[in-house]
Amino acid sequence: MITIAADAPYFVYAADLDGDGDQDALSASYLDDKIAWYENLMPHDCNSDGLHDLVQIQNNPALDMNGDGLLDECVPASYCTGGINSSGAGGSIMALGSPQLALNNLTLHASGLPTQQWSYFLMSQNQANVPNFGGSQGVLCLGAPIVRFVMSGTGQVGQTTPGGTRTYTVDFLNLPSGVVFMPGETWNFQLWYRDLNPGATSNTSDGVTVMFR
């Protein structure tokens, strides 16, 4: 039972009314002419491991890279969808390490890529979803302004590996000109790469979001 205060309720709905990731209750009752909201105060445990999700995130922010208050294993920090490439898969990007700026420990890892093709990482504070941008077979997941990473010692562009991956460890102390990550800021990341599918073209991974702490 949720309540005995509603007088002759005749509609009851379940929905996440406060955006905190759990189901609340909403009722409409006839005799008292009342619409009532009942907040779900049960602890969040999206993976049913017996531990409160928000406490786990507080202790280890790396469990929630995009800062949405939900464990990434339940709701991944990725968004948007890149195009299918010549490997038969769609490129996928993950943010590994930690969103805590003081640790300077963030690695971008893309997989499901065609092998030994030129590529580079991009970032923006804004999101987009633009299919086939510039004649590519990918989807642009970033909104303007978009910044390209400059890899130390290699420049902006590098090749994907024979295993179809590309990895870059971000140095917070050596970011592109004009870029500074600040606590509470949200940044989005994506990989652009050359492809042969079947003719020469370009493609992209999906996007991933990180909220820095």
Protein backbone atom coordinates (compact mmCIF):
# COMPACT_ATOMS: atom_id res chain seq x y z
CA MET A 1 0.00 0.00 0.00
CA ILE A 2 1.29 3.49 -0.95
CA THR A 3 -1.15 5.61 1.08
CA ILE A 4 -4.58 5.64 2.76
CA ALA A 5 -4.91 9.44 2.38
CA ALA A 6 -6.41 9.37 -1.13
CA ASP A 7 -10.21 9.27 -1.03
CA ALA A 8 -11.59 6.89 -3.69
CA PRO A 9 -8.60 6.78 -6.07
CA TYR A 10 -9.61 5.66 -9.54
CA PHE A 11 -6.40 6.12 -11.57
CA VAL A 12 -2.88 5.11 -10.50
CA TYR A 13 0.19 5.48 -12.73
CA ALA A 14 3.86 4.51 -12.31
CA ALA A 15 6.47 6.84 -13.84
CA ASP A 16 9.84 8.43 -13.04
CA LEU A 17 8.38 11.82 -12.16
CA ASP A 18 11.52 13.36 -10.63
CA GLY A 19 14.06 11.99 -13.11
CA ASP A 20 16.07 10.08 -10.52
CA GLY A 21 15.94 6.73 -12.30
CA ASP A 22 13.22 4.96 -10.28
CA GLN A 23 9.46 4.57 -10.62
CA ASP A 24 7.28 6.92 -8.57
CA ALA A 25 3.48 6.73 -8.25
CA LEU A 26 0.81 9.20 -9.34
CA SER A 27 -2.85 8.88 -8.35
CA ALA A 28 -6.10 10.66 -9.09
CA SER A 29 -8.85 10.35 -6.47
CA TYR A 30 -12.52 11.10 -6.98
CA LEU A 31 -14.03 12.17 -3.66
CA ASP A 32 -11.29 14.62 -2.62
CA ASP A 33 -10.60 15.84 -6.20
CA LYS A 34 -6.85 15.29 -5.73
CA ILE A 35 -3.89 14.49 -7.96
CA ALA A 36 -1.15 13.10 -5.71
CA TRP A 37 2.49 12.18 -6.31
CA TYR A 38 4.25 9.59 -4.15
CA GLU A 39 8.03 9.67 -4.43
CA ASN A 40 9.86 6.35 -4.49
CA LEU A 41 12.32 6.52 -1.60
CA MET A 42 13.66 2.99 -1.97
CA PRO A 43 17.44 2.86 -2.52
CA HIS A 44 18.61 2.75 -6.16
CA ASP A 45 20.07 -0.65 -7.03
CA CYS A 46 19.87 -0.98 -10.81
CA ASN A 47 22.17 -4.01 -11.00
CA SER A 48 20.59 -5.80 -8.01
CA ASP A 49 23.90 -6.23 -6.21
CA GLY A 50 22.48 -5.14 -2.85
CA LEU A 51 24.46 -1.88 -2.85
CA HIS A 52 23.01 1.63 -3.16
CA ASP A 53 23.98 2.95 -6.61
CA LEU A 54 24.43 6.56 -5.51
CA VAL A 55 26.72 5.51 -2.66
CA GLN A 56 28.82 3.43 -5.06
CA ILE A 57 29.10 6.40 -7.44
CA GLN A 58 30.06 8.74 -4.61
CA ASN A 59 32.84 6.38 -3.59
CA ASN A 60 33.96 5.77 -7.18
CA PRO A 61 32.88 8.38 -9.78
CA ALA A 62 34.35 6.17 -12.55
CA LEU A 63 31.21 4.02 -12.22
CA ASP A 64 29.18 6.94 -13.64
CA MET A 65 31.30 8.66 -16.30
CA ASN A 66 28.51 10.90 -17.64
CA GLY A 67 27.28 12.07 -14.25
CA ASP A 68 23.63 11.09 -14.72
CA GLY A 69 23.45 9.45 -11.29
CA LEU A 70 23.07 5.97 -12.80
CA LEU A 71 25.67 3.22 -12.98
CA ASP A 72 27.15 3.02 -16.47
CA GLU A 73 26.72 -0.76 -16.43
CA CYS A 74 22.96 -0.13 -16.31
CA VAL A 75 22.79 2.97 -18.52
CA PRO A 76 26.01 3.36 -20.59
CA ALA A 77 27.60 6.78 -21.06
CA SER A 78 27.59 6.29 -24.84
CA TYR A 79 25.02 7.95 -27.10
CA CYS A 80 24.32 8.45 -30.83
CA THR A 81 25.28 5.63 -33.27
CA GLY A 82 28.06 5.56 -35.84
CA GLY A 83 27.63 3.92 -39.25
CA ILE A 84 28.39 0.30 -40.10
CA ASN A 85 31.93 0.15 -41.48
CA SER A 86 33.93 -2.24 -43.67
CA SER A 87 34.71 -4.50 -40.70
CA GLY A 88 31.00 -5.34 -40.56
CA ALA A 89 30.60 -3.61 -37.22
CA GLY A 90 29.88 -0.12 -36.00
CA GLY A 91 32.71 1.78 -34.32
CA SER A 92 32.27 2.14 -30.57
CA ILE A 93 34.07 4.46 -28.13
CA MET A 94 34.47 4.17 -24.35
CA ALA A 95 35.89 6.52 -21.73
CA LEU A 96 38.08 4.58 -19.30
CA GLY A 97 39.84 5.64 -16.13
CA SER A 98 38.27 8.38 -14.04
CA PRO A 99 36.34 11.65 -14.55
CA GLN A 100 38.18 13.17 -11.58
CA LEU A 101 40.41 15.95 -12.87
CA ALA A 102 42.86 15.66 -9.99
CA LEU A 103 43.76 12.11 -11.10
CA ASN A 104 44.52 13.08 -14.74
CA ASN A 105 43.52 9.56 -15.76
CA LEU A 106 41.21 9.40 -18.76
CA THR A 107 41.68 7.14 -21.77
CA LEU A 108 39.54 7.09 -24.91
CA HIS A 109 39.30 3.63 -26.46
CA ALA A 110 37.55 2.96 -29.77
CA SER A 111 36.93 -0.53 -31.18
CA GLY A 112 35.03 -2.24 -34.00
CA LEU A 113 37.05 -0.23 -36.55
CA PRO A 114 38.54 -1.10 -39.95
CA THR A 115 42.20 -1.98 -39.58
CA GLN A 116 45.12 0.36 -40.20
CA GLN A 117 43.07 3.34 -41.32
CA TRP A 118 43.79 6.99 -40.50
CA SER A 119 41.75 8.38 -37.64
CA TYR A 120 41.54 11.14 -35.05
CA PHE A 121 39.63 11.91 -31.86
CA LEU A 122 37.22 14.84 -31.57
CA MET A 123 35.51 16.51 -28.62
CA SER A 124 32.83 19.09 -27.94
CA GLN A 125 30.64 20.28 -25.09
CA ASN A 126 27.62 19.97 -27.37
CA GLN A 127 25.88 16.94 -28.83
CA ALA A 128 24.37 16.43 -32.28
CA ASN A 129 23.11 13.61 -34.49
CA VAL A 130 23.89 14.33 -38.15
CA PRO A 131 23.87 11.26 -40.44
CA ASN A 132 26.15 11.19 -43.51
CA PHE A 133 27.72 14.56 -42.69
CA GLY A 134 30.06 15.87 -45.38
CA GLY A 135 29.31 12.85 -47.57
CA SER A 136 30.58 10.37 -44.98
CA GLN A 137 28.94 7.09 -43.98
CA GLY A 138 29.09 8.07 -40.33
CA VAL A 139 26.98 10.11 -37.94
CA LEU A 140 28.34 13.31 -36.41
CA CYS A 141 27.55 13.04 -32.70
CA LEU A 142 29.16 16.36 -31.75
CA GLY A 143 27.81 19.88 -32.07
CA ALA A 144 29.83 23.01 -32.82
CA PRO A 145 32.34 24.09 -31.75
CA ILE A 146 34.26 20.85 -32.30
CA VAL A 147 37.90 20.46 -31.27
CA ARG A 148 40.38 17.92 -32.67
CA PHE A 149 42.91 16.34 -30.35
CA VAL A 150 46.59 16.82 -31.16
CA MET A 151 48.49 13.68 -30.15
CA SER A 152 51.85 14.38 -28.58
CA GLY A 153 54.64 13.27 -30.93
CA THR A 154 52.26 12.10 -33.68
CA GLY A 155 50.18 15.13 -34.60
CA GLN A 156 46.44 14.99 -35.13
CA VAL A 157 46.08 11.78 -37.10
CA GLY A 158 47.07 8.18 -36.32
CA GLN A 159 46.22 4.73 -37.64
CA THR A 160 43.87 2.18 -36.20
CA THR A 161 45.57 -1.03 -35.08
CA PRO A 162 45.55 -4.40 -36.89
CA GLY A 163 42.96 -5.38 -34.29
CA GLY A 164 40.64 -2.53 -35.29
CA THR A 165 41.12 -0.33 -32.23
CA ARG A 166 42.43 3.14 -31.45
CA THR A 167 43.38 4.35 -27.98
CA TYR A 168 44.44 7.74 -26.65
CA THR A 169 45.26 8.77 -23.10
CA VAL A 170 44.18 12.36 -22.52
CA ASP A 171 46.57 14.66 -20.68
CA PHE A 172 44.51 17.27 -18.84
CA LEU A 173 47.61 19.44 -18.58
CA ASN A 174 48.25 19.39 -22.35
CA LEU A 175 44.88 19.97 -24.02
CA PRO A 176 44.35 21.70 -27.38
CA SER A 177 44.70 25.47 -27.32
CA GLY A 178 41.79 27.20 -25.60
CA VAL A 179 40.43 24.03 -23.96
CA VAL A 180 40.33 23.63 -20.17
CA PHE A 181 38.31 20.94 -18.43
CA MET A 182 36.56 22.27 -15.32
CA PRO A 183 34.71 20.40 -12.53
CA GLY A 184 31.04 20.03 -13.40
CA GLU A 185 31.61 20.45 -17.14
CA THR A 186 30.31 17.82 -19.55
CA TRP A 187 32.32 16.95 -22.67
CA ASN A 188 31.50 14.55 -25.49
CA PHE A 189 34.04 12.51 -27.48
CA GLN A 190 34.02 10.70 -30.84
CA LEU A 191 36.46 9.08 -33.29
CA TRP A 192 36.55 9.95 -37.01
CA TYR A 193 38.25 7.45 -39.31
CA ARG A 194 38.86 6.61 -42.96
CA ASP A 195 37.05 3.60 -44.36
CA LEU A 196 36.62 1.55 -47.54
CA ASN A 197 32.95 0.61 -47.66
CA PRO A 198 33.28 -0.39 -50.50
CA GLY A 199 34.91 2.73 -51.96
CA ALA A 200 36.97 5.33 -50.11
CA THR A 201 34.86 7.16 -47.55
CA SER A 202 34.94 8.24 -43.90
CA ASN A 203 33.03 7.02 -40.87
CA THR A 204 32.67 7.63 -37.15
CA SER A 205 32.27 5.84 -33.86
CA ASP A 206 29.35 6.54 -31.60
CA GLY A 207 29.75 9.27 -28.96
CA VAL A 208 30.59 9.04 -25.27
CA THR A 209 29.92 11.60 -22.55
CA VAL A 210 32.09 12.47 -19.54
CA MET A 211 31.15 14.86 -16.74
CA PHE A 212 34.32 15.96 -14.98
CA ARG A 213 34.50 16.18 -11.18
